[in-house]
Amino acid sequence: KPVRVSYPRKWNLNQILFSSKNRNASFELEKELDTGDLIL
C-alpha cells in the first residue's frame, strides 16, 4: 500500500535520480514545519 514517510527537513530532495515506478521529477513533495512528507 502507499506509505507516507516523514523525513528530516534538512534533507534536500531536489532531484529524482530513479523511481522503480517511473515517476519523474515533476511530482511535488508535501512540506511540514519540521519535516517533509513523501508518499511512496
PDB file of all heavy atoms in Angstrom:
ATOM      1  N   LYS A   1       0.843  -1.198   0.000  1.00  0.00           N
ATOM      2  CA  LYS A   1       0.000   0.000   0.000  1.00  0.00           C
ATOM      3  C   LYS A   1       0.877   1.246   0.000  1.00  0.00           C
ATOM      4  O   LYS A   1       2.052   1.190   0.364  1.00  0.00           O
ATOM      5  CB  LYS A   1      -0.900   0.004   1.238  1.00  0.00           C
ATOM      6  CG  LYS A   1      -1.848  -1.185   1.320  1.00  0.00           C
ATOM      7  CD  LYS A   1      -2.663  -1.135   2.601  1.00  0.00           C
ATOM      8  CE  LYS A   1      -3.617  -2.330   2.686  1.00  0.00           C
ATOM      9  NZ  LYS A   1      -4.400  -2.311   3.953  1.00  0.00           N
ATOM     10  N   PRO A   2       0.315   2.410  -0.365  1.00  0.00           N
ATOM     11  CA  PRO A   2       1.078   3.660  -0.278  1.00  0.00           C
ATOM     12  C   PRO A   2       1.488   3.924   1.174  1.00  0.00           C
ATOM     13  O   PRO A   2       0.764   3.594   2.110  1.00  0.00           O
ATOM     14  CB  PRO A   2       0.096   4.725  -0.776  1.00  0.00           C
ATOM     15  CG  PRO A   2      -0.887   3.973  -1.600  1.00  0.00           C
ATOM     16  CD  PRO A   2      -1.025   2.629  -0.961  1.00  0.00           C
ATOM     17  N   VAL A   3       2.651   4.504   1.354  1.00  0.00           N
ATOM     18  CA  VAL A   3       3.172   4.801   2.682  1.00  0.00           C
ATOM     19  C   VAL A   3       3.654   6.255   2.724  1.00  0.00           C
ATOM     20  O   VAL A   3       4.334   6.708   1.801  1.00  0.00           O
ATOM     21  CB  VAL A   3       4.330   3.853   3.053  1.00  0.00           C
ATOM     22  CG1 VAL A   3       5.077   4.337   4.289  1.00  0.00           C
ATOM     23  CG2 VAL A   3       3.817   2.436   3.283  1.00  0.00           C
ATOM     24  N   ARG A   4       3.270   6.956   3.785  1.00  0.00           N
ATOM     25  CA  ARG A   4       3.748   8.322   3.992  1.00  0.00           C
ATOM     26  C   ARG A   4       4.993   8.278   4.874  1.00  0.00           C
ATOM     27  O   ARG A   4       4.966   7.720   5.968  1.00  0.00           O
ATOM     28  CB  ARG A   4       2.667   9.171   4.653  1.00  0.00           C
ATOM     29  CG  ARG A   4       3.094  10.631   4.900  1.00  0.00           C
ATOM     30  CD  ARG A   4       2.013  11.381   5.656  1.00  0.00           C
ATOM     31  NE  ARG A   4       0.819  11.534   4.858  1.00  0.00           N
ATOM     32  CZ  ARG A   4       0.569  12.576   4.061  1.00  0.00           C
ATOM     33  NH1 ARG A   4       1.450  13.556   3.964  1.00  0.00           N
ATOM     34  NH2 ARG A   4      -0.550  12.642   3.368  1.00  0.00           N
ATOM     35  N   VAL A   5       6.071   8.878   4.392  1.00  0.00           N
ATOM     36  CA  VAL A   5       7.328   8.929   5.136  1.00  0.00           C
ATOM     37  C   VAL A   5       7.652  10.373   5.475  1.00  0.00           C
ATOM     38  O   VAL A   5       7.683  11.232   4.591  1.00  0.00           O
ATOM     39  CB  VAL A   5       8.487   8.310   4.320  1.00  0.00           C
ATOM     40  CG1 VAL A   5       9.795   8.433   5.089  1.00  0.00           C
ATOM     41  CG2 VAL A   5       8.197   6.855   3.984  1.00  0.00           C
ATOM     42  N   SER A   6       7.883  10.641   6.740  1.00  0.00           N
ATOM     43  CA  SER A   6       8.305  11.970   7.184  1.00  0.00           C
ATOM     44  C   SER A   6       9.817  11.942   7.360  1.00  0.00           C
ATOM     45  O   SER A   6      10.331  11.257   8.242  1.00  0.00           O
ATOM     46  CB  SER A   6       7.624  12.337   8.501  1.00  0.00           C
ATOM     47  OG  SER A   6       6.221  12.427   8.335  1.00  0.00           O
ATOM     48  N   TYR A   7      10.501  12.692   6.536  1.00  0.00           N
ATOM     49  CA  TYR A   7      11.955  12.661   6.558  1.00  0.00           C
ATOM     50  C   TYR A   7      12.492  13.978   7.130  1.00  0.00           C
ATOM     51  O   TYR A   7      11.778  15.000   7.174  1.00  0.00           O
ATOM     52  CB  TYR A   7      12.494  12.441   5.142  1.00  0.00           C
ATOM     53  CG  TYR A   7      12.062  13.498   4.147  1.00  0.00           C
ATOM     54  CD1 TYR A   7      12.827  14.650   3.946  1.00  0.00           C
ATOM     55  CD2 TYR A   7      10.886  13.355   3.421  1.00  0.00           C
ATOM     56  CE1 TYR A   7      12.438  15.616   3.051  1.00  0.00           C
ATOM     57  CE2 TYR A   7      10.483  14.319   2.531  1.00  0.00           C
ATOM     58  CZ  TYR A   7      11.263  15.453   2.350  1.00  0.00           C
ATOM     59  OH  TYR A   7      10.854  16.431   1.467  1.00  0.00           O
ATOM     60  N   PRO A   8      13.725  14.012   7.599  1.00  0.00           N
ATOM     61  CA  PRO A   8      14.290  15.229   8.190  1.00  0.00           C
ATOM     62  C   PRO A   8      14.251  16.409   7.217  1.00  0.00           C
ATOM     63  O   PRO A   8      14.562  16.264   6.033  1.00  0.00           O
ATOM     64  CB  PRO A   8      15.735  14.820   8.510  1.00  0.00           C
ATOM     65  CG  PRO A   8      15.676  13.347   8.681  1.00  0.00           C
ATOM     66  CD  PRO A   8      14.645  12.874   7.700  1.00  0.00           C
ATOM     67  N   ARG A   9      13.868  17.554   7.728  1.00  0.00           N
ATOM     68  CA  ARG A   9      13.711  18.737   6.880  1.00  0.00           C
ATOM     69  C   ARG A   9      15.010  19.134   6.193  1.00  0.00           C
ATOM     70  O   ARG A   9      14.990  19.665   5.072  1.00  0.00           O
ATOM     71  CB  ARG A   9      13.187  19.902   7.725  1.00  0.00           C
ATOM     72  CG  ARG A   9      12.838  21.129   6.902  1.00  0.00           C
ATOM     73  CD  ARG A   9      12.291  22.226   7.778  1.00  0.00           C
ATOM     74  NE  ARG A   9      11.879  23.365   7.000  1.00  0.00           N
ATOM     75  CZ  ARG A   9      11.423  24.492   7.529  1.00  0.00           C
ATOM     76  NH1 ARG A   9      11.308  24.602   8.849  1.00  0.00           N
ATOM     77  NH2 ARG A   9      11.064  25.501   6.761  1.00  0.00           N
ATOM     78  N   LYS A  10      16.138  18.883   6.856  1.00  0.00           N
ATOM     79  CA  LYS A  10      17.416  19.292   6.266  1.00  0.00           C
ATOM     80  C   LYS A  10      17.805  18.441   5.052  1.00  0.00           C
ATOM     81  O   LYS A  10      18.771  18.760   4.357  1.00  0.00           O
ATOM     82  CB  LYS A  10      18.513  19.241   7.321  1.00  0.00           C
ATOM     83  CG  LYS A  10      18.765  17.865   7.909  1.00  0.00           C
ATOM     84  CD  LYS A  10      19.831  17.938   8.995  1.00  0.00           C
ATOM     85  CE  LYS A  10      20.083  16.569   9.634  1.00  0.00           C
ATOM     86  NZ  LYS A  10      21.104  16.648  10.704  1.00  0.00           N
ATOM     87  N   TRP A  11      17.081  17.366   4.834  1.00  0.00           N
ATOM     88  CA  TRP A  11      17.337  16.598   3.622  1.00  0.00           C
ATOM     89  C   TRP A  11      16.757  17.370   2.438  1.00  0.00           C
ATOM     90  O   TRP A  11      15.565  17.686   2.414  1.00  0.00           O
ATOM     91  CB  TRP A  11      16.676  15.219   3.703  1.00  0.00           C
ATOM     92  CG  TRP A  11      17.355  14.270   4.668  1.00  0.00           C
ATOM     93  CD1 TRP A  11      18.270  14.577   5.630  1.00  0.00           C
ATOM     94  CD2 TRP A  11      17.140  12.856   4.739  1.00  0.00           C
ATOM     95  NE1 TRP A  11      18.645  13.450   6.308  1.00  0.00           N
ATOM     96  CE2 TRP A  11      17.962  12.372   5.786  1.00  0.00           C
ATOM     97  CE3 TRP A  11      16.340  11.956   4.043  1.00  0.00           C
ATOM     98  CZ2 TRP A  11      18.009  11.025   6.145  1.00  0.00           C
ATOM     99  CZ3 TRP A  11      16.379  10.616   4.398  1.00  0.00           C
ATOM    100  CH2 TRP A  11      17.211  10.154   5.432  1.00  0.00           C
ATOM    101  N   ASN A  12      17.599  17.620   1.456  1.00  0.00           N
ATOM    102  CA  ASN A  12      17.184  18.404   0.290  1.00  0.00           C
ATOM    103  C   ASN A  12      16.924  17.479  -0.892  1.00  0.00           C
ATOM    104  O   ASN A  12      17.827  17.148  -1.652  1.00  0.00           O
ATOM    105  CB  ASN A  12      18.249  19.437  -0.066  1.00  0.00           C
ATOM    106  CG  ASN A  12      18.450  20.447   1.044  1.00  0.00           C
ATOM    107  OD1 ASN A  12      17.480  20.990   1.571  1.00  0.00           O
ATOM    108  ND2 ASN A  12      19.706  20.685   1.419  1.00  0.00           N
ATOM    109  N   LEU A  13      15.668  17.074  -1.025  1.00  0.00           N
ATOM    110  CA  LEU A  13      15.295  16.143  -2.087  1.00  0.00           C
ATOM    111  C   LEU A  13      14.955  16.940  -3.345  1.00  0.00           C
ATOM    112  O   LEU A  13      13.805  17.158  -3.699  1.00  0.00           O
ATOM    113  CB  LEU A  13      14.096  15.291  -1.645  1.00  0.00           C
ATOM    114  CG  LEU A  13      14.383  14.089  -0.737  1.00  0.00           C
ATOM    115  CD1 LEU A  13      15.067  14.494   0.542  1.00  0.00           C
ATOM    116  CD2 LEU A  13      13.091  13.338  -0.421  1.00  0.00           C
ATOM    117  N   ASN A  14      15.990  17.367  -4.032  1.00  0.00           N
ATOM    118  CA  ASN A  14      15.789  18.286  -5.146  1.00  0.00           C
ATOM    119  C   ASN A  14      15.601  17.611  -6.492  1.00  0.00           C
ATOM    120  O   ASN A  14      14.928  18.138  -7.368  1.00  0.00           O
ATOM    121  CB  ASN A  14      16.973  19.253  -5.239  1.00  0.00           C
ATOM    122  CG  ASN A  14      17.058  20.181  -4.038  1.00  0.00           C
ATOM    123  OD1 ASN A  14      16.038  20.503  -3.443  1.00  0.00           O
ATOM    124  ND2 ASN A  14      18.273  20.595  -3.683  1.00  0.00           N
ATOM    125  N   GLN A  15      16.189  16.455  -6.669  1.00  0.00           N
ATOM    126  CA  GLN A  15      16.178  15.821  -7.992  1.00  0.00           C
ATOM    127  C   GLN A  15      15.950  14.322  -7.876  1.00  0.00           C
ATOM    128  O   GLN A  15      16.608  13.652  -7.082  1.00  0.00           O
ATOM    129  CB  GLN A  15      17.520  16.085  -8.704  1.00  0.00           C
ATOM    130  CG  GLN A  15      17.642  15.422 -10.070  1.00  0.00           C
ATOM    131  CD  GLN A  15      19.044  15.526 -10.645  1.00  0.00           C
ATOM    132  OE1 GLN A  15      19.935  16.095 -10.019  1.00  0.00           O
ATOM    133  NE2 GLN A  15      19.242  14.994 -11.836  1.00  0.00           N
ATOM    134  N   ILE A  16      15.030  13.799  -8.663  1.00  0.00           N
ATOM    135  CA  ILE A  16      14.815  12.349  -8.693  1.00  0.00           C
ATOM    136  C   ILE A  16      15.804  11.708  -9.666  1.00  0.00           C
ATOM    137  O   ILE A  16      15.839  12.052 -10.845  1.00  0.00           O
ATOM    138  CB  ILE A  16      13.382  12.005  -9.132  1.00  0.00           C
ATOM    139  CG1 ILE A  16      12.364  12.524  -8.122  1.00  0.00           C
ATOM    140  CG2 ILE A  16      13.230  10.496  -9.282  1.00  0.00           C
ATOM    141  CD1 ILE A  16      10.939  12.234  -8.509  1.00  0.00           C
ATOM    142  N   LEU A  17      16.591  10.801  -9.145  1.00  0.00           N
ATOM    143  CA  LEU A  17      17.522  10.055  -9.996  1.00  0.00           C
ATOM    144  C   LEU A  17      16.914   8.755 -10.488  1.00  0.00           C
ATOM    145  O   LEU A  17      17.273   8.243 -11.549  1.00  0.00           O
ATOM    146  CB  LEU A  17      18.806   9.753  -9.231  1.00  0.00           C
ATOM    147  CG  LEU A  17      19.629  10.946  -8.736  1.00  0.00           C
ATOM    148  CD1 LEU A  17      20.839  10.454  -7.958  1.00  0.00           C
ATOM    149  CD2 LEU A  17      20.066  11.812  -9.915  1.00  0.00           C
ATOM    150  N   PHE A  18      15.997   8.198  -9.676  1.00  0.00           N
ATOM    151  CA  PHE A  18      15.430   6.883 -10.013  1.00  0.00           C
ATOM    152  C   PHE A  18      14.124   6.684  -9.271  1.00  0.00           C
ATOM    153  O   PHE A  18      13.997   7.056  -8.104  1.00  0.00           O
ATOM    154  CB  PHE A  18      16.411   5.773  -9.609  1.00  0.00           C
ATOM    155  CG  PHE A  18      15.860   4.381  -9.706  1.00  0.00           C
ATOM    156  CD1 PHE A  18      15.865   3.706 -10.909  1.00  0.00           C
ATOM    157  CD2 PHE A  18      15.325   3.740  -8.580  1.00  0.00           C
ATOM    158  CE1 PHE A  18      15.356   2.409 -11.004  1.00  0.00           C
ATOM    159  CE2 PHE A  18      14.816   2.462  -8.666  1.00  0.00           C
ATOM    160  CZ  PHE A  18      14.821   1.788  -9.887  1.00  0.00           C
ATOM    161  N   SER A  19      13.151   6.125  -9.968  1.00  0.00           N
ATOM    162  CA  SER A  19      11.928   5.640  -9.344  1.00  0.00           C
ATOM    163  C   SER A  19      11.580   4.309  -9.985  1.00  0.00           C
ATOM    164  O   SER A  19      11.500   4.211 -11.216  1.00  0.00           O
ATOM    165  CB  SER A  19      10.771   6.628  -9.535  1.00  0.00           C
ATOM    166  OG  SER A  19       9.528   6.005  -9.223  1.00  0.00           O
ATOM    167  N   SER A  20      11.382   3.297  -9.169  1.00  0.00           N
ATOM    168  CA  SER A  20      11.046   1.980  -9.715  1.00  0.00           C
ATOM    169  C   SER A  20       9.657   1.974 -10.336  1.00  0.00           C
ATOM    170  O   SER A  20       9.314   1.048 -11.072  1.00  0.00           O
ATOM    171  CB  SER A  20      11.146   0.904  -8.624  1.00  0.00           C
ATOM    172  OG  SER A  20      10.223   1.171  -7.577  1.00  0.00           O
ATOM    173  N   LYS A  21       8.856   3.014 -10.052  1.00  0.00           N
ATOM    174  CA  LYS A  21       7.531   3.155 -10.657  1.00  0.00           C
ATOM    175  C   LYS A  21       7.529   4.222 -11.753  1.00  0.00           C
ATOM    176  O   LYS A  21       6.473   4.687 -12.195  1.00  0.00           O
ATOM    177  CB  LYS A  21       6.501   3.509  -9.583  1.00  0.00           C
ATOM    178  CG  LYS A  21       6.266   2.391  -8.555  1.00  0.00           C
ATOM    179  CD  LYS A  21       5.726   1.140  -9.228  1.00  0.00           C
ATOM    180  CE  LYS A  21       5.404   0.043  -8.223  1.00  0.00           C
ATOM    181  NZ  LYS A  21       4.174   0.278  -7.467  1.00  0.00           N
ATOM    182  N   ASN A  22       8.740   4.611 -12.155  1.00  0.00           N
ATOM    183  CA  ASN A  22       8.927   5.549 -13.271  1.00  0.00           C
ATOM    184  C   ASN A  22       8.302   6.925 -13.041  1.00  0.00           C
ATOM    185  O   ASN A  22       7.894   7.593 -13.978  1.00  0.00           O
ATOM    186  CB  ASN A  22       8.386   4.952 -14.584  1.00  0.00           C
ATOM    187  CG  ASN A  22       9.151   3.722 -15.009  1.00  0.00           C
ATOM    188  OD1 ASN A  22      10.370   3.664 -14.890  1.00  0.00           O
ATOM    189  ND2 ASN A  22       8.431   2.705 -15.476  1.00  0.00           N
ATOM    190  N   ARG A  23       8.227   7.344 -11.791  1.00  0.00           N
ATOM    191  CA  ARG A  23       7.795   8.723 -11.538  1.00  0.00           C
ATOM    192  C   ARG A  23       8.935   9.654 -11.938  1.00  0.00           C
ATOM    193  O   ARG A  23      10.108   9.347 -11.751  1.00  0.00           O
ATOM    194  CB  ARG A  23       7.450   8.909 -10.067  1.00  0.00           C
ATOM    195  CG  ARG A  23       6.145   8.231  -9.691  1.00  0.00           C
ATOM    196  CD  ARG A  23       5.539   8.882  -8.479  1.00  0.00           C
ATOM    197  NE  ARG A  23       6.106   8.370  -7.236  1.00  0.00           N
ATOM    198  CZ  ARG A  23       5.673   8.741  -6.035  1.00  0.00           C
ATOM    199  NH1 ARG A  23       4.704   9.632  -5.923  1.00  0.00           N
ATOM    200  NH2 ARG A  23       6.223   8.238  -4.947  1.00  0.00           N
ATOM    201  N   ASN A  24       8.576  10.825 -12.429  1.00  0.00           N
ATOM    202  CA  ASN A  24       9.608  11.753 -12.872  1.00  0.00           C
ATOM    203  C   ASN A  24       9.714  12.935 -11.914  1.00  0.00           C
ATOM    204  O   ASN A  24       9.047  12.990 -10.885  1.00  0.00           O
ATOM    205  CB  ASN A  24       9.335  12.238 -14.303  1.00  0.00           C
ATOM    206  CG  ASN A  24       7.964  12.885 -14.434  1.00  0.00           C
ATOM    207  OD1 ASN A  24       7.535  13.622 -13.550  1.00  0.00           O
ATOM    208  ND2 ASN A  24       7.275  12.607 -15.536  1.00  0.00           N
ATOM    209  N   ALA A  25      10.532  13.878 -12.269  1.00  0.00           N
ATOM    210  CA  ALA A  25      10.839  14.991 -11.378  1.00  0.00           C
ATOM    211  C   ALA A  25       9.694  15.968 -11.206  1.00  0.00           C
ATOM    212  O   ALA A  25       9.808  16.911 -10.429  1.00  0.00           O
ATOM    213  CB  ALA A  25      12.073  15.732 -11.893  1.00  0.00           C
ATOM    214  N   SER A  26       8.590  15.772 -11.882  1.00  0.00           N
ATOM    215  CA  SER A  26       7.508  16.761 -11.843  1.00  0.00           C
ATOM    216  C   SER A  26       6.632  16.651 -10.592  1.00  0.00           C
ATOM    217  O   SER A  26       5.941  17.587 -10.241  1.00  0.00           O
ATOM    218  CB  SER A  26       6.623  16.616 -13.086  1.00  0.00           C
ATOM    219  OG  SER A  26       5.976  15.356 -13.086  1.00  0.00           O
ATOM    220  N   PHE A  27       6.659  15.488  -9.887  1.00  0.00           N
ATOM    221  CA  PHE A  27       5.760  15.387  -8.743  1.00  0.00           C
ATOM    222  C   PHE A  27       6.352  16.112  -7.531  1.00  0.00           C
ATOM    223  O   PHE A  27       7.555  16.161  -7.333  1.00  0.00           O
ATOM    224  CB  PHE A  27       5.406  13.934  -8.426  1.00  0.00           C
ATOM    225  CG  PHE A  27       6.377  13.189  -7.558  1.00  0.00           C
ATOM    226  CD1 PHE A  27       6.244  13.220  -6.174  1.00  0.00           C
ATOM    227  CD2 PHE A  27       7.395  12.439  -8.104  1.00  0.00           C
ATOM    228  CE1 PHE A  27       7.109  12.509  -5.373  1.00  0.00           C
ATOM    229  CE2 PHE A  27       8.262  11.737  -7.298  1.00  0.00           C
ATOM    230  CZ  PHE A  27       8.128  11.772  -5.929  1.00  0.00           C
ATOM    231  N   GLU A  28       5.483  16.767  -6.753  1.00  0.00           N
ATOM    232  CA  GLU A  28       5.923  17.613  -5.652  1.00  0.00           C
ATOM    233  C   GLU A  28       5.864  16.863  -4.318  1.00  0.00           C
ATOM    234  O   GLU A  28       5.075  15.943  -4.144  1.00  0.00           O
ATOM    235  CB  GLU A  28       5.061  18.874  -5.566  1.00  0.00           C
ATOM    236  CG  GLU A  28       5.189  19.763  -6.799  1.00  0.00           C
ATOM    237  CD  GLU A  28       4.364  21.040  -6.652  1.00  0.00           C
ATOM    238  OE1 GLU A  28       3.667  21.175  -5.625  1.00  0.00           O
ATOM    239  OE2 GLU A  28       4.437  21.875  -7.559  1.00  0.00           O
ATOM    240  N   LEU A  29       6.682  17.318  -3.383  1.00  0.00           N
ATOM    241  CA  LEU A  29       6.711  16.756  -2.049  1.00  0.00           C
ATOM    242  C   LEU A  29       5.967  17.685  -1.101  1.00  0.00           C
ATOM    243  O   LEU A  29       6.146  18.896  -1.136  1.00  0.00           O
ATOM    244  CB  LEU A  29       8.149  16.587  -1.562  1.00  0.00           C
ATOM    245  CG  LEU A  29       9.097  15.827  -2.487  1.00  0.00           C
ATOM    246  CD1 LEU A  29      10.490  15.813  -1.894  1.00  0.00           C
ATOM    247  CD2 LEU A  29       8.599  14.423  -2.699  1.00  0.00           C
ATOM    248  N   GLU A  30       5.117  17.105  -0.270  1.00  0.00           N
ATOM    249  CA  GLU A  30       4.414  17.905   0.715  1.00  0.00           C
ATOM    250  C   GLU A  30       5.367  18.284   1.838  1.00  0.00           C
ATOM    251  O   GLU A  30       6.186  17.491   2.265  1.00  0.00           O
ATOM    252  CB  GLU A  30       3.223  17.118   1.277  1.00  0.00           C
ATOM    253  CG  GLU A  30       2.220  16.705   0.212  1.00  0.00           C
ATOM    254  CD  GLU A  30       1.123  15.834   0.801  1.00  0.00           C
ATOM    255  OE1 GLU A  30       0.839  15.980   1.996  1.00  0.00           O
ATOM    256  OE2 GLU A  30       0.577  15.014   0.056  1.00  0.00           O
ATOM    257  N   LYS A  31       5.251  19.532   2.313  1.00  0.00           N
ATOM    258  CA  LYS A  31       6.145  20.035   3.344  1.00  0.00           C
ATOM    259  C   LYS A  31       5.388  20.327   4.637  1.00  0.00           C
ATOM    260  O   LYS A  31       4.234  20.755   4.614  1.00  0.00           O
ATOM    261  CB  LYS A  31       6.832  21.328   2.873  1.00  0.00           C
ATOM    262  CG  LYS A  31       7.657  21.171   1.600  1.00  0.00           C
ATOM    263  CD  LYS A  31       8.954  20.459   1.855  1.00  0.00           C
ATOM    264  CE  LYS A  31       9.820  20.416   0.588  1.00  0.00           C
ATOM    265  NZ  LYS A  31      11.092  19.740   0.820  1.00  0.00           N
ATOM    266  N   GLU A  32       6.035  20.066   5.767  1.00  0.00           N
ATOM    267  CA  GLU A  32       5.532  20.483   7.057  1.00  0.00           C
ATOM    268  C   GLU A  32       6.594  21.347   7.718  1.00  0.00           C
ATOM    269  O   GLU A  32       7.659  21.588   7.152  1.00  0.00           O
ATOM    270  CB  GLU A  32       5.171  19.268   7.922  1.00  0.00           C
ATOM    271  CG  GLU A  32       3.997  18.472   7.369  1.00  0.00           C
ATOM    272  CD  GLU A  32       3.612  17.313   8.288  1.00  0.00           C
ATOM    273  OE1 GLU A  32       4.325  17.083   9.279  1.00  0.00           O
ATOM    274  OE2 GLU A  32       2.602  16.666   7.994  1.00  0.00           O
ATOM    275  N   LEU A  33       6.333  21.817   8.944  1.00  0.00           N
ATOM    276  CA  LEU A  33       7.253  22.740   9.593  1.00  0.00           C
ATOM    277  C   LEU A  33       8.619  22.102   9.826  1.00  0.00           C
ATOM    278  O   LEU A  33       9.651  22.679   9.495  1.00  0.00           O
ATOM    279  CB  LEU A  33       6.661  23.226  10.924  1.00  0.00           C
ATOM    280  CG  LEU A  33       5.491  24.207  10.809  1.00  0.00           C
ATOM    281  CD1 LEU A  33       4.964  24.543  12.199  1.00  0.00           C
ATOM    282  CD2 LEU A  33       5.912  25.485  10.099  1.00  0.00           C
ATOM    283  N   ASP A  34       8.640  20.931  10.427  1.00  0.00           N
ATOM    284  CA  ASP A  34       9.910  20.309  10.804  1.00  0.00           C
ATOM    285  C   ASP A  34      10.323  19.168   9.882  1.00  0.00           C
ATOM    286  O   ASP A  34      11.454  18.720   9.932  1.00  0.00           O
ATOM    287  CB  ASP A  34       9.833  19.779  12.233  1.00  0.00           C
ATOM    288  CG  ASP A  34       9.606  20.914  13.227  1.00  0.00           C
ATOM    289  OD1 ASP A  34      10.220  21.977  13.034  1.00  0.00           O
ATOM    290  OD2 ASP A  34       8.815  20.717  14.165  1.00  0.00           O
ATOM    291  N   THR A  35       9.409  18.681   9.118  1.00  0.00           N
ATOM    292  CA  THR A  35       9.734  17.559   8.226  1.00  0.00           C
ATOM    293  C   THR A  35       9.090  17.766   6.876  1.00  0.00           C
ATOM    294  O   THR A  35       8.167  18.551   6.701  1.00  0.00           O
ATOM    295  CB  THR A  35       9.217  16.221   8.794  1.00  0.00           C
ATOM    296  OG1 THR A  35       7.789  16.249   8.834  1.00  0.00           O
ATOM    297  CG2 THR A  35       9.768  15.971  10.190  1.00  0.00           C
ATOM    298  N   GLY A  36       9.610  17.002   5.914  1.00  0.00           N
ATOM    299  CA  GLY A  36       8.933  16.902   4.634  1.00  0.00           C
ATOM    300  C   GLY A  36       8.215  15.578   4.607  1.00  0.00           C
ATOM    301  O   GLY A  36       8.623  14.631   5.264  1.00  0.00           O
ATOM    302  N   ASP A  37       7.154  15.506   3.874  1.00  0.00           N
ATOM    303  CA  ASP A  37       6.423  14.250   3.740  1.00  0.00           C
ATOM    304  C   ASP A  37       6.546  13.745   2.311  1.00  0.00           C
ATOM    305  O   ASP A  37       6.382  14.512   1.360  1.00  0.00           O
ATOM    306  CB  ASP A  37       4.941  14.430   4.072  1.00  0.00           C
ATOM    307  CG  ASP A  37       4.681  14.357   5.572  1.00  0.00           C
ATOM    308  OD1 ASP A  37       5.673  14.269   6.308  1.00  0.00           O
ATOM    309  OD2 ASP A  37       3.520  14.389   5.974  1.00  0.00           O
ATOM    310  N   LEU A  38       6.814  12.480   2.211  1.00  0.00           N
ATOM    311  CA  LEU A  38       6.892  11.835   0.900  1.00  0.00           C
ATOM    312  C   LEU A  38       5.957  10.641   0.910  1.00  0.00           C
ATOM    313  O   LEU A  38       6.022   9.810   1.815  1.00  0.00           O
ATOM    314  CB  LEU A  38       8.330  11.378   0.622  1.00  0.00           C
ATOM    315  CG  LEU A  38       8.560  10.507  -0.605  1.00  0.00           C
ATOM    316  CD1 LEU A  38       8.208  11.268  -1.869  1.00  0.00           C
ATOM    317  CD2 LEU A  38      10.007  10.034  -0.659  1.00  0.00           C
ATOM    318  N   ILE A  39       5.073  10.585  -0.063  1.00  0.00           N
ATOM    319  CA  ILE A  39       4.174   9.439  -0.176  1.00  0.00           C
ATOM    320  C   ILE A  39       4.742   8.486  -1.220  1.00  0.00           C
ATOM    321  O   ILE A  39       4.841   8.831  -2.405  1.00  0.00           O
ATOM    322  CB  ILE A  39       2.750   9.874  -0.551  1.00  0.00           C
ATOM    323  CG1 ILE A  39       2.175  10.780   0.539  1.00  0.00           C
ATOM    324  CG2 ILE A  39       1.870   8.639  -0.755  1.00  0.00           C
ATOM    325  CD1 ILE A  39       0.787  11.301   0.232  1.00  0.00           C
ATOM    326  N   LEU A  40       5.095   7.317  -0.749  1.00  0.00           N
ATOM    327  CA  LEU A  40       5.651   6.295  -1.641  1.00  0.00           C
ATOM    328  C   LEU A  40       4.547   5.397  -2.163  1.00  0.00           C
ATOM    329  O   LEU A  40       3.627   5.022  -1.421  1.00  0.00           O
ATOM    330  CB  LEU A  40       6.671   5.437  -0.886  1.00  0.00           C
ATOM    331  CG  LEU A  40       7.932   6.142  -0.382  1.00  0.00           C
ATOM    332  CD1 LEU A  40       8.722   5.206   0.528  1.00  0.00           C
ATOM    333  CD2 LEU A  40       8.804   6.589  -1.547  1.00  0.00           C
TER     334      LEU A  40
END
